[in-house]
């Protein structure tokens, strides 16, 4: 994924170098647009999806004392790729000419095979991950309702339908990618990636202290530098602020008829 994003950035830079940019020389590019904060928050949540891959860095490491350096290097590389994509997109296509789905900006690339691959890359990703995510959600729903054995029709028909029907309806009902990113990113995305983990950490630390005593946290020599409870609490505050921004601006936009 990072490699593909880097390729987007390189191709956009190529347009700038060859002076094929669609941005006029005197175009004023705004550095801050207040009413785009909800979409920014939604997109930023999706950008942090790279954290899902972090456990795979730790597990095979023989000497985990270097885990901090490895994780920092991985996150720094992700940041570099994101900056490359954002800056190259801004100066190559311009804010006014960017498609809602960024990959559509490359449909006219002079090498047809690359243009088709880049344009269809999101389809490939979703097609590959959708069955895995669907199976995970189905199993989570089964565990949520009960841990007992279900009848065949419930297990093989009802739960899969509960998994696939809601996203199918949403996909057929709207094609507004910005709205989907704003809502799913700022609500479900924030809950899944920030609120739940922060609550798990706080509750887990309380359980460890009550079971093993207050000195249990010092046993792990490789404990995180973010071991203070201030970090997960701060994350919860930040999450509430993100959702508050989205709610406020969506209500304001609805009232003003935008």
C-alpha atoms as a PDB file:
ATOM      1  CA  UNK A   1       0.000   0.000   0.000  1.00  0.00           C
ATOM      2  CA  UNK A   2       2.794   2.431   0.884  1.00  0.00           C
ATOM      3  CA  UNK A   3       4.536   1.508  -2.366  1.00  0.00           C
ATOM      4  CA  UNK A   4       1.430   2.350  -4.390  1.00  0.00           C
ATOM      5  CA  UNK A   5       0.997   5.645  -2.542  1.00  0.00           C
ATOM      6  CA  UNK A   6       4.619   6.482  -3.263  1.00  0.00           C
ATOM      7  CA  UNK A   7       3.981   5.723  -6.941  1.00  0.00           C
ATOM      8  CA  UNK A   8       1.062   8.174  -6.938  1.00  0.00           C
ATOM      9  CA  UNK A   9       3.383  10.799  -5.506  1.00  0.00           C
ATOM     10  CA  UNK A  10       6.153  10.107  -8.015  1.00  0.00           C
ATOM     11  CA  UNK A  11       3.773  10.348 -10.987  1.00  0.00           C
ATOM     12  CA  UNK A  12       2.313  13.586  -9.625  1.00  0.00           C
ATOM     13  CA  UNK A  13       5.835  14.969  -9.224  1.00  0.00           C
ATOM     14  CA  UNK A  14       6.548  13.963 -12.804  1.00  0.00           C
ATOM     15  CA  UNK A  15       3.625  16.143 -13.923  1.00  0.00           C
ATOM     16  CA  UNK A  16       5.072  19.066 -11.981  1.00  0.00           C
ATOM     17  CA  UNK A  17       8.589  18.606 -13.411  1.00  0.00           C
ATOM     18  CA  UNK A  18       7.248  18.321 -16.964  1.00  0.00           C
ATOM     19  CA  UNK A  19       5.054  21.382 -16.335  1.00  0.00           C
ATOM     20  CA  UNK A  20       1.898  19.377 -17.016  1.00  0.00           C
ATOM     21  CA  UNK A  21       0.351  20.560 -13.752  1.00  0.00           C
ATOM     22  CA  UNK A  22      -3.249  21.683 -13.942  1.00  0.00           C
ATOM     23  CA  UNK A  23      -2.617  24.402 -11.358  1.00  0.00           C
ATOM     24  CA  UNK A  24      -2.262  27.915 -12.851  1.00  0.00           C
ATOM     25  CA  UNK A  25       0.868  29.761 -11.772  1.00  0.00           C
ATOM     26  CA  UNK A  26      -1.085  32.481  -9.912  1.00  0.00           C
ATOM     27  CA  UNK A  27      -3.457  30.091  -8.147  1.00  0.00           C
ATOM     28  CA  UNK A  28      -3.785  30.798  -4.432  1.00  0.00           C
ATOM     29  CA  UNK A  29      -3.688  27.519  -2.530  1.00  0.00           C
ATOM     30  CA  UNK A  30      -5.363  27.879   0.846  1.00  0.00           C
ATOM     31  CA  UNK A  31      -3.452  26.310   3.693  1.00  0.00           C
ATOM     32  CA  UNK A  32      -6.434  26.127   6.042  1.00  0.00           C
ATOM     33  CA  UNK A  33     -10.146  25.747   5.243  1.00  0.00           C
ATOM     34  CA  UNK A  34     -12.257  25.594   8.380  1.00  0.00           C
ATOM     35  CA  UNK A  35     -15.327  23.882   6.930  1.00  0.00           C
ATOM     36  CA  UNK A  36     -13.197  20.989   5.620  1.00  0.00           C
ATOM     37  CA  UNK A  37     -12.117  19.931   9.116  1.00  0.00           C
ATOM     38  CA  UNK A  38     -14.687  17.077   9.324  1.00  0.00           C
ATOM     39  CA  UNK A  39     -13.380  15.531   6.104  1.00  0.00           C
ATOM     40  CA  UNK A  40      -9.796  16.113   7.250  1.00  0.00           C
ATOM     41  CA  UNK A  41     -10.469  14.280  10.503  1.00  0.00           C
ATOM     42  CA  UNK A  42     -12.132  11.407   8.656  1.00  0.00           C
ATOM     43  CA  UNK A  43      -9.227  11.052   6.248  1.00  0.00           C
ATOM     44  CA  UNK A  44      -6.650  11.324   9.039  1.00  0.00           C
ATOM     45  CA  UNK A  45      -8.331   8.454  10.859  1.00  0.00           C
ATOM     46  CA  UNK A  46      -8.049   6.322   7.737  1.00  0.00           C
ATOM     47  CA  UNK A  47      -4.391   7.292   7.404  1.00  0.00           C
ATOM     48  CA  UNK A  48      -3.704   5.748  10.793  1.00  0.00           C
ATOM     49  CA  UNK A  49      -4.841   2.371   9.434  1.00  0.00           C
ATOM     50  CA  UNK A  50      -1.121   1.644   9.059  1.00  0.00           C
ATOM     51  CA  UNK A  51      -1.096   0.870  12.799  1.00  0.00           C
ATOM     52  CA  UNK A  52      -2.860  -2.423  12.020  1.00  0.00           C
ATOM     53  CA  UNK A  53       0.402  -3.689  10.571  1.00  0.00           C
ATOM     54  CA  UNK A  54       2.520  -2.751  13.570  1.00  0.00           C
ATOM     55  CA  UNK A  55       2.075  -6.037  15.517  1.00  0.00           C
ATOM     56  CA  UNK A  56       3.547  -7.903  12.560  1.00  0.00           C
ATOM     57  CA  UNK A  57       6.765  -5.930  13.095  1.00  0.00           C
ATOM     58  CA  UNK A  58       7.046  -6.956  16.739  1.00  0.00           C
ATOM     59  CA  UNK A  59       6.177 -10.671  16.662  1.00  0.00           C
ATOM     60  CA  UNK A  60       9.115 -11.964  14.557  1.00  0.00           C
ATOM     61  CA  UNK A  61      11.694  -9.774  16.303  1.00  0.00           C
ATOM     62  CA  UNK A  62      14.217 -11.820  18.261  1.00  0.00           C
ATOM     63  CA  UNK A  63      15.585  -8.850  20.203  1.00  0.00           C
ATOM     64  CA  UNK A  64      12.647  -6.614  21.023  1.00  0.00           C
ATOM     65  CA  UNK A  65      14.802  -3.987  22.666  1.00  0.00           C
ATOM     66  CA  UNK A  66      14.960  -2.367  19.230  1.00  0.00           C
ATOM     67  CA  UNK A  67      11.185  -2.354  18.844  1.00  0.00           C
ATOM     68  CA  UNK A  68      10.995   1.391  19.509  1.00  0.00           C
ATOM     69  CA  UNK A  69      13.442   2.148  16.703  1.00  0.00           C
ATOM     70  CA  UNK A  70      11.643  -0.212  14.320  1.00  0.00           C
ATOM     71  CA  UNK A  71       8.211   1.265  15.037  1.00  0.00           C
ATOM     72  CA  UNK A  72       9.503   4.819  14.813  1.00  0.00           C
ATOM     73  CA  UNK A  73      11.145   4.054  11.460  1.00  0.00           C
ATOM     74  CA  UNK A  74       7.954   2.460  10.135  1.00  0.00           C
ATOM     75  CA  UNK A  75       5.780   5.396  11.190  1.00  0.00           C
ATOM     76  CA  UNK A  76       8.324   7.884   9.840  1.00  0.00           C
ATOM     77  CA  UNK A  77       8.259   6.092   6.480  1.00  0.00           C
ATOM     78  CA  UNK A  78       4.452   6.207   6.442  1.00  0.00           C
ATOM     79  CA  UNK A  79       4.539   9.930   7.261  1.00  0.00           C
ATOM     80  CA  UNK A  80       7.010  10.537   4.449  1.00  0.00           C
ATOM     81  CA  UNK A  81       4.804   8.752   1.935  1.00  0.00           C
ATOM     82  CA  UNK A  82       1.693  10.643   3.045  1.00  0.00           C
ATOM     83  CA  UNK A  83       3.494  13.995   2.786  1.00  0.00           C
ATOM     84  CA  UNK A  84       4.743  13.048  -0.676  1.00  0.00           C
ATOM     85  CA  UNK A  85       1.214  12.205  -1.826  1.00  0.00           C
ATOM     86  CA  UNK A  86      -0.394  15.297  -0.278  1.00  0.00           C
ATOM     87  CA  UNK A  87       2.119  17.880  -1.483  1.00  0.00           C
ATOM     88  CA  UNK A  88       2.498  16.401  -4.945  1.00  0.00           C
ATOM     89  CA  UNK A  89      -1.284  16.208  -5.343  1.00  0.00           C
ATOM     90  CA  UNK A  90      -1.703  19.825  -4.261  1.00  0.00           C
ATOM     91  CA  UNK A  91       0.803  21.238  -6.740  1.00  0.00           C
ATOM     92  CA  UNK A  92       0.129  18.780  -9.556  1.00  0.00           C
ATOM     93  CA  UNK A  93      -3.663  18.820  -9.733  1.00  0.00           C
ATOM     94  CA  UNK A  94      -4.721  21.659  -7.449  1.00  0.00           C
ATOM     95  CA  UNK A  95      -7.496  21.604  -4.833  1.00  0.00           C
ATOM     96  CA  UNK A  96     -10.156  22.595  -7.344  1.00  0.00           C
ATOM     97  CA  UNK A  97      -9.327  19.823  -9.819  1.00  0.00           C
ATOM     98  CA  UNK A  98      -8.844  16.873  -7.489  1.00  0.00           C
ATOM     99  CA  UNK A  99     -11.278  14.039  -7.917  1.00  0.00           C
ATOM    100  CA  UNK A 100     -13.088  12.843  -4.791  1.00  0.00           C
ATOM    101  CA  UNK A 101     -11.323   9.518  -5.284  1.00  0.00           C
ATOM    102  CA  UNK A 102      -7.674  10.451  -5.800  1.00  0.00           C
ATOM    103  CA  UNK A 103      -6.859   7.499  -8.053  1.00  0.00           C
ATOM    104  CA  UNK A 104      -9.234   8.866 -10.728  1.00  0.00           C
ATOM    105  CA  UNK A 105      -6.773  11.693 -11.375  1.00  0.00           C
ATOM    106  CA  UNK A 106      -4.463   9.206 -13.101  1.00  0.00           C
ATOM    107  CA  UNK A 107      -6.905   7.887 -15.706  1.00  0.00           C
ATOM    108  CA  UNK A 108      -5.193   9.925 -18.454  1.00  0.00           C
ATOM    109  CA  UNK A 109      -1.649   8.824 -17.641  1.00  0.00           C
ATOM    110  CA  UNK A 110       0.282   8.190 -20.864  1.00  0.00           C
ATOM    111  CA  UNK A 111       1.101   4.550 -20.015  1.00  0.00           C
ATOM    112  CA  UNK A 112      -2.276   2.839 -20.258  1.00  0.00           C
ATOM    113  CA  UNK A 113      -1.391  -0.248 -18.185  1.00  0.00           C
ATOM    114  CA  UNK A 114      -0.164   1.876 -15.257  1.00  0.00           C
ATOM    115  CA  UNK A 115      -3.171   4.193 -15.553  1.00  0.00           C
ATOM    116  CA  UNK A 116      -5.602   1.270 -15.363  1.00  0.00           C
ATOM    117  CA  UNK A 117      -3.781  -0.320 -12.442  1.00  0.00           C
ATOM    118  CA  UNK A 118      -3.642   2.890 -10.402  1.00  0.00           C
ATOM    119  CA  UNK A 119      -7.272   3.696 -11.155  1.00  0.00           C
ATOM    120  CA  UNK A 120      -8.444   0.221 -10.142  1.00  0.00           C
ATOM    121  CA  UNK A 121      -6.122  -0.195  -7.173  1.00  0.00           C
ATOM    122  CA  UNK A 122      -8.843   0.647  -4.583  1.00  0.00           C
ATOM    123  CA  UNK A 123     -11.070  -1.970  -6.203  1.00  0.00           C
ATOM    124  CA  UNK A 124      -8.329  -4.581  -5.869  1.00  0.00           C
ATOM    125  CA  UNK A 125      -7.769  -3.683  -2.205  1.00  0.00           C
ATOM    126  CA  UNK A 126     -11.440  -3.747  -1.300  1.00  0.00           C
ATOM    127  CA  UNK A 127     -12.062  -6.960  -3.215  1.00  0.00           C
ATOM    128  CA  UNK A 128      -9.211  -8.661  -1.378  1.00  0.00           C
ATOM    129  CA  UNK A 129     -10.014  -7.364   2.121  1.00  0.00           C
ATOM    130  CA  UNK A 130     -13.826  -7.395   2.023  1.00  0.00           C
ATOM    131  CA  UNK A 131     -14.210 -11.185   2.536  1.00  0.00           C
ATOM    132  CA  UNK A 132     -11.732 -11.152   5.437  1.00  0.00           C
ATOM    133  CA  UNK A 133     -13.412  -8.163   7.085  1.00  0.00           C
ATOM    134  CA  UNK A 134     -16.835  -9.722   6.469  1.00  0.00           C
ATOM    135  CA  UNK A 135     -15.843 -13.003   8.111  1.00  0.00           C
ATOM    136  CA  UNK A 136     -14.344 -11.135  11.081  1.00  0.00           C
ATOM    137  CA  UNK A 137     -17.500  -9.048  11.526  1.00  0.00           C
ATOM    138  CA  UNK A 138     -19.703 -12.135  11.254  1.00  0.00           C
ATOM    139  CA  UNK A 139     -17.704 -13.918  13.950  1.00  0.00           C
ATOM    140  CA  UNK A 140     -17.801 -10.826  16.155  1.00  0.00           C
ATOM    141  CA  UNK A 141     -21.572 -10.641  15.815  1.00  0.00           C
ATOM    142  CA  UNK A 142     -21.897 -14.313  16.746  1.00  0.00           C
ATOM    143  CA  UNK A 143     -19.759 -13.781  19.831  1.00  0.00           C
ATOM    144  CA  UNK A 144     -21.621 -10.586  20.739  1.00  0.00           C
ATOM    145  CA  UNK A 145     -25.045 -12.225  20.828  1.00  0.00           C
ATOM    146  CA  UNK A 146     -24.044 -15.514  22.415  1.00  0.00           C
ATOM    147  CA  UNK A 147     -21.257 -18.093  22.552  1.00  0.00           C
ATOM    148  CA  UNK A 148     -23.552 -21.078  22.128  1.00  0.00           C
ATOM    149  CA  UNK A 149     -24.042 -23.075  18.942  1.00  0.00           C
ATOM    150  CA  UNK A 150     -26.516 -21.575  16.481  1.00  0.00           C
ATOM    151  CA  UNK A 151     -28.890 -23.418  14.110  1.00  0.00           C
ATOM    152  CA  UNK A 152     -27.456 -23.850  10.617  1.00  0.00           C
ATOM    153  CA  UNK A 153     -29.725 -21.242   9.001  1.00  0.00           C
ATOM    154  CA  UNK A 154     -28.820 -18.645  11.634  1.00  0.00           C
ATOM    155  CA  UNK A 155     -25.103 -19.405  11.466  1.00  0.00           C
ATOM    156  CA  UNK A 156     -24.813 -19.637   7.673  1.00  0.00           C
ATOM    157  CA  UNK A 157     -27.545 -17.273   6.473  1.00  0.00           C
ATOM    158  CA  UNK A 158     -28.712 -14.755   9.083  1.00  0.00           C
ATOM    159  CA  UNK A 159     -25.305 -13.601  10.369  1.00  0.00           C
ATOM    160  CA  UNK A 160     -23.731 -13.302   6.881  1.00  0.00           C
ATOM    161  CA  UNK A 161     -26.741 -11.252   5.755  1.00  0.00           C
ATOM    162  CA  UNK A 162     -26.403  -8.989   8.798  1.00  0.00           C
ATOM    163  CA  UNK A 163     -22.804  -8.487   7.739  1.00  0.00           C
ATOM    164  CA  UNK A 164     -23.225  -7.710   4.051  1.00  0.00           C
ATOM    165  CA  UNK A 165     -26.632  -5.976   3.846  1.00  0.00           C
ATOM    166  CA  UNK A 166     -25.802  -2.676   5.679  1.00  0.00           C
ATOM    167  CA  UNK A 167     -22.687  -1.799   3.600  1.00  0.00           C
ATOM    168  CA  UNK A 168     -24.493  -2.869   0.420  1.00  0.00           C
ATOM    169  CA  UNK A 169     -27.413  -0.538   1.167  1.00  0.00           C
ATOM    170  CA  UNK A 170     -25.065   2.346   1.970  1.00  0.00           C
ATOM    171  CA  UNK A 171     -23.076   1.733  -1.219  1.00  0.00           C
ATOM    172  CA  UNK A 172     -26.231   1.765  -3.336  1.00  0.00           C
ATOM    173  CA  UNK A 173     -27.769   4.745  -1.538  1.00  0.00           C
ATOM    174  CA  UNK A 174     -24.933   7.244  -1.947  1.00  0.00           C
ATOM    175  CA  UNK A 175     -21.895   7.894  -4.108  1.00  0.00           C
ATOM    176  CA  UNK A 176     -20.696  10.850  -2.022  1.00  0.00           C
ATOM    177  CA  UNK A 177     -17.277   9.690  -0.916  1.00  0.00           C
ATOM    178  CA  UNK A 178     -16.648  12.786   1.218  1.00  0.00           C
ATOM    179  CA  UNK A 179     -19.730  12.118   3.344  1.00  0.00           C
ATOM    180  CA  UNK A 180     -18.804   8.461   3.788  1.00  0.00           C
ATOM    181  CA  UNK A 181     -15.250   9.349   4.807  1.00  0.00           C
ATOM    182  CA  UNK A 182     -16.424  12.044   7.215  1.00  0.00           C
ATOM    183  CA  UNK A 183     -18.995   9.873   8.967  1.00  0.00           C
ATOM    184  CA  UNK A 184     -17.288   6.484   8.972  1.00  0.00           C
ATOM    185  CA  UNK A 185     -13.896   7.955   9.731  1.00  0.00           C
ATOM    186  CA  UNK A 186     -14.949  10.382  12.425  1.00  0.00           C
ATOM    187  CA  UNK A 187     -17.435   8.098  14.187  1.00  0.00           C
ATOM    188  CA  UNK A 188     -16.904   4.372  13.699  1.00  0.00           C
ATOM    189  CA  UNK A 189     -13.236   4.843  12.799  1.00  0.00           C
ATOM    190  CA  UNK A 190     -12.513   6.932  15.896  1.00  0.00           C
ATOM    191  CA  UNK A 191     -14.419   4.491  18.096  1.00  0.00           C
ATOM    192  CA  UNK A 192     -12.674   1.395  16.765  1.00  0.00           C
ATOM    193  CA  UNK A 193      -9.153   2.781  16.528  1.00  0.00           C
ATOM    194  CA  UNK A 194      -8.989   5.170  19.471  1.00  0.00           C
ATOM    195  CA  UNK A 195     -11.836   4.970  21.986  1.00  0.00           C
ATOM    196  CA  UNK A 196     -11.967   1.186  22.342  1.00  0.00           C
ATOM    197  CA  UNK A 197      -8.152   0.703  22.566  1.00  0.00           C
ATOM    198  CA  UNK A 198      -7.817   3.550  25.073  1.00  0.00           C
ATOM    199  CA  UNK A 199     -10.564   2.047  27.242  1.00  0.00           C
ATOM    200  CA  UNK A 200      -8.979  -1.409  26.975  1.00  0.00           C
ATOM    201  CA  UNK A 201      -5.616   0.009  28.090  1.00  0.00           C
ATOM    202  CA  UNK A 202      -7.079   1.871  31.061  1.00  0.00           C
ATOM    203  CA  UNK A 203      -9.236  -1.053  32.196  1.00  0.00           C
ATOM    204  CA  UNK A 204      -6.399  -3.527  31.576  1.00  0.00           C
ATOM    205  CA  UNK A 205      -3.973  -1.506  33.685  1.00  0.00           C
ATOM    206  CA  UNK A 206      -6.530  -1.311  36.484  1.00  0.00           C
ATOM    207  CA  UNK A 207      -6.961  -5.083  36.336  1.00  0.00           C
ATOM    208  CA  UNK A 208      -3.197  -5.719  36.356  1.00  0.00           C
ATOM    209  CA  UNK A 209      -2.674  -3.432  39.356  1.00  0.00           C
ATOM    210  CA  UNK A 210      -5.531  -5.043  41.305  1.00  0.00           C
ATOM    211  CA  UNK A 211      -4.254  -8.555  40.515  1.00  0.00           C
ATOM    212  CA  UNK A 212      -0.450  -8.218  40.669  1.00  0.00           C
ATOM    213  CA  UNK A 213       0.070  -4.984  42.584  1.00  0.00           C
ATOM    214  CA  UNK A 214       1.260  -1.529  41.578  1.00  0.00           C
ATOM    215  CA  UNK A 215       4.794  -2.685  40.765  1.00  0.00           C
ATOM    216  CA  UNK A 216       3.627  -5.077  38.020  1.00  0.00           C
ATOM    217  CA  UNK A 217       4.065  -2.457  35.283  1.00  0.00           C
ATOM    218  CA  UNK A 218       7.813  -2.256  36.017  1.00  0.00           C
ATOM    219  CA  UNK A 219       8.370  -5.965  35.298  1.00  0.00           C
ATOM    220  CA  UNK A 220       8.285  -5.474  31.528  1.00  0.00           C
ATOM    221  CA  UNK A 221      11.655  -4.047  30.485  1.00  0.00           C
ATOM    222  CA  UNK A 222      10.293  -3.168  27.045  1.00  0.00           C
ATOM    223  CA  UNK A 223       7.264  -1.250  28.251  1.00  0.00           C
ATOM    224  CA  UNK A 224       6.102   1.688  26.179  1.00  0.00           C
ATOM    225  CA  UNK A 225       7.334   5.198  26.785  1.00  0.00           C
ATOM    226  CA  UNK A 226       3.637   6.133  26.738  1.00  0.00           C
ATOM    227  CA  UNK A 227       2.933   4.092  29.857  1.00  0.00           C
ATOM    228  CA  UNK A 228       1.326   7.015  31.685  1.00  0.00           C
ATOM    229  CA  UNK A 229      -2.473   7.015  31.896  1.00  0.00           C
ATOM    230  CA  UNK A 230      -2.398  10.588  30.613  1.00  0.00           C
ATOM    231  CA  UNK A 231      -1.889   9.282  27.072  1.00  0.00           C
ATOM    232  CA  UNK A 232      -5.036   7.133  26.737  1.00  0.00           C
ATOM    233  CA  UNK A 233      -7.043   9.789  28.596  1.00  0.00           C
ATOM    234  CA  UNK A 234      -5.719  12.420  26.193  1.00  0.00           C
ATOM    235  CA  UNK A 235      -6.648  10.137  23.308  1.00  0.00           C
ATOM    236  CA  UNK A 236     -10.221   9.941  24.596  1.00  0.00           C
ATOM    237  CA  UNK A 237     -10.382  13.735  24.848  1.00  0.00           C
ATOM    238  CA  UNK A 238      -9.014  14.108  21.315  1.00  0.00           C
ATOM    239  CA  UNK A 239     -11.544  11.559  20.012  1.00  0.00           C
ATOM    240  CA  UNK A 240     -14.412  13.466  21.628  1.00  0.00           C
ATOM    241  CA  UNK A 241     -13.124  16.688  20.032  1.00  0.00           C
ATOM    242  CA  UNK A 242     -12.957  15.019  16.590  1.00  0.00           C
ATOM    243  CA  UNK A 243     -16.536  13.793  16.790  1.00  0.00           C
ATOM    244  CA  UNK A 244     -17.643  17.148  18.178  1.00  0.00           C
ATOM    245  CA  UNK A 245     -16.139  18.971  15.198  1.00  0.00           C
ATOM    246  CA  UNK A 246     -17.883  16.669  12.741  1.00  0.00           C
ATOM    247  CA  UNK A 247     -21.261  16.930  14.474  1.00  0.00           C
ATOM    248  CA  UNK A 248     -21.047  20.719  14.696  1.00  0.00           C
ATOM    249  CA  UNK A 249     -20.077  21.301  11.068  1.00  0.00           C
ATOM    250  CA  UNK A 250     -22.542  18.768   9.694  1.00  0.00           C
ATOM    251  CA  UNK A 251     -25.371  20.420  11.634  1.00  0.00           C
ATOM    252  CA  UNK A 252     -24.164  23.886  10.580  1.00  0.00           C
ATOM    253  CA  UNK A 253     -23.972  22.778   6.940  1.00  0.00           C
ATOM    254  CA  UNK A 254     -27.481  21.317   7.109  1.00  0.00           C
ATOM    255  CA  UNK A 255     -28.881  24.498   8.659  1.00  0.00           C
ATOM    256  CA  UNK A 256     -27.184  26.705   6.048  1.00  0.00           C
ATOM    257  CA  UNK A 257     -28.342  24.405   3.252  1.00  0.00           C
ATOM    258  CA  UNK A 258     -24.863  23.492   1.961  1.00  0.00           C
END
